[in-house]
Amino acid sequence: MQTDKDKHRNEAVIFAALPSLEPAMAADRCAATDPAGAPLKIRDTDENITGIIGNGCVVQLLREGSDDAGKPWAYVASLDGNPIGWVYREFISFY
């Protein structure tokens, strides 16, 4: 079973090499805004779906990155700071 420490280490290894990975301000509040109105899929570092958040759900942006194909991703948390996972960055809007 993978521990939280191992999970964060794996995440660091996968995303550490990404030149576009930038920390975001903790106060960066944003909302899930899929133009089709669908819930956003939450993914892990292997791009496996681990859950969903509703369209319009307010979250904190913790950091950003891109995958090997250049697709932008955002690592988000709930407003109380609990990490949720990675979502497609184009469907996150600041307000």
Protein backbone atom coordinates (compact mmCIF):
# COMPACT_ATOMS: atom_id res chain seq x y z
CA MET A 1 0.00 0.00 0.00
CA GLN A 2 1.31 3.42 -0.94
CA THR A 3 1.73 5.84 1.96
CA ASP A 4 1.06 9.58 1.74
CA LYS A 5 4.82 10.15 1.91
CA ASP A 6 5.39 7.81 -1.06
CA LYS A 7 2.54 9.41 -3.00
CA HIS A 8 4.00 12.91 -2.52
CA ARG A 9 7.49 11.62 -3.40
CA ASN A 10 6.14 10.05 -6.61
CA GLU A 11 4.31 13.26 -7.46
CA ALA A 12 7.49 15.25 -6.90
CA VAL A 13 9.47 12.93 -9.16
CA ILE A 14 6.90 13.07 -11.96
CA PHE A 15 6.37 16.83 -11.90
CA ALA A 16 9.83 18.01 -10.77
CA ALA A 17 11.19 17.87 -14.30
CA LEU A 18 8.41 20.04 -15.71
CA PRO A 19 9.77 23.49 -16.52
CA SER A 20 6.33 25.09 -16.31
CA LEU A 21 5.65 23.89 -12.78
CA GLU A 22 5.08 27.03 -10.74
CA PRO A 23 3.86 27.43 -7.17
CA ALA A 24 0.69 29.45 -6.82
CA MET A 25 -0.31 31.78 -4.04
CA ALA A 26 -2.33 30.04 -1.35
CA ALA A 27 -4.99 32.71 -1.81
CA ASP A 28 -5.48 31.82 -5.48
CA ARG A 29 -9.15 30.91 -5.38
CA CYS A 30 -10.75 29.72 -8.54
CA ALA A 31 -13.72 27.77 -9.78
CA ALA A 32 -14.22 24.72 -11.98
CA THR A 33 -15.69 26.07 -15.20
CA ASP A 34 -16.22 23.43 -17.86
CA PRO A 35 -17.97 25.21 -20.77
CA ALA A 36 -20.14 22.13 -21.30
CA GLY A 37 -21.33 22.35 -17.69
CA ALA A 38 -19.99 18.90 -16.84
CA PRO A 39 -18.19 18.05 -13.59
CA LEU A 40 -14.38 18.16 -13.77
CA LYS A 41 -12.46 14.92 -13.50
CA ILE A 42 -9.86 14.84 -10.72
CA ARG A 43 -6.71 12.93 -11.68
CA ASP A 44 -3.59 11.63 -9.99
CA THR A 45 -0.07 12.08 -11.36
CA ASP A 46 -0.57 9.11 -13.71
CA GLU A 47 -3.69 10.82 -15.11
CA ASN A 48 -5.98 8.17 -13.57
CA ILE A 49 -9.40 9.53 -12.65
CA THR A 50 -9.76 9.60 -8.86
CA GLY A 51 -12.95 11.65 -8.53
CA ILE A 52 -14.89 14.65 -9.79
CA ILE A 53 -15.74 18.16 -8.66
CA GLY A 54 -18.88 19.95 -9.70
CA ASN A 55 -18.91 22.70 -12.28
CA GLY A 56 -18.73 25.98 -10.37
CA CYS A 57 -17.03 24.38 -7.35
CA VAL A 58 -14.64 26.87 -5.69
CA VAL A 59 -11.12 25.57 -5.03
CA GLN A 60 -7.62 26.83 -4.27
CA LEU A 61 -4.95 26.59 -6.92
CA LEU A 62 -1.83 25.13 -5.30
CA ARG A 63 0.39 24.80 -8.36
CA GLU A 64 0.41 24.36 -12.11
CA GLY A 65 2.24 22.10 -14.52
CA SER A 66 2.00 20.50 -17.91
CA ASP A 67 2.31 16.95 -19.13
CA ASP A 68 4.67 15.58 -21.79
CA ALA A 69 2.28 16.70 -24.53
CA GLY A 70 2.21 20.25 -23.16
CA LYS A 71 -1.35 19.94 -21.79
CA PRO A 72 -1.74 22.35 -18.83
CA TRP A 73 -2.78 20.97 -15.42
CA ALA A 74 -3.67 22.58 -12.10
CA TYR A 75 -3.22 20.96 -8.69
CA VAL A 76 -6.15 22.11 -6.57
CA ALA A 77 -7.26 21.89 -2.96
CA SER A 78 -10.48 22.51 -1.09
CA LEU A 79 -10.84 25.92 0.52
CA ASP A 80 -9.69 24.45 3.84
CA GLY A 81 -6.41 23.44 2.16
CA ASN A 82 -6.94 19.69 1.69
CA PRO A 83 -5.44 18.63 -1.65
CA ILE A 84 -7.98 17.32 -4.16
CA GLY A 85 -5.83 16.46 -7.19
CA TRP A 86 -4.98 17.53 -10.73
CA VAL A 87 -7.56 19.00 -13.11
CA TYR A 88 -7.29 20.24 -16.67
CA ARG A 89 -6.09 23.85 -16.26
CA GLU A 90 -8.22 25.25 -19.09
CA PHE A 91 -11.34 24.49 -17.01
CA ILE A 92 -10.21 26.51 -13.97
CA SER A 93 -11.16 30.19 -13.85
CA PHE A 94 -10.02 32.84 -11.38
CA TYR A 95 -12.49 35.28 -9.95
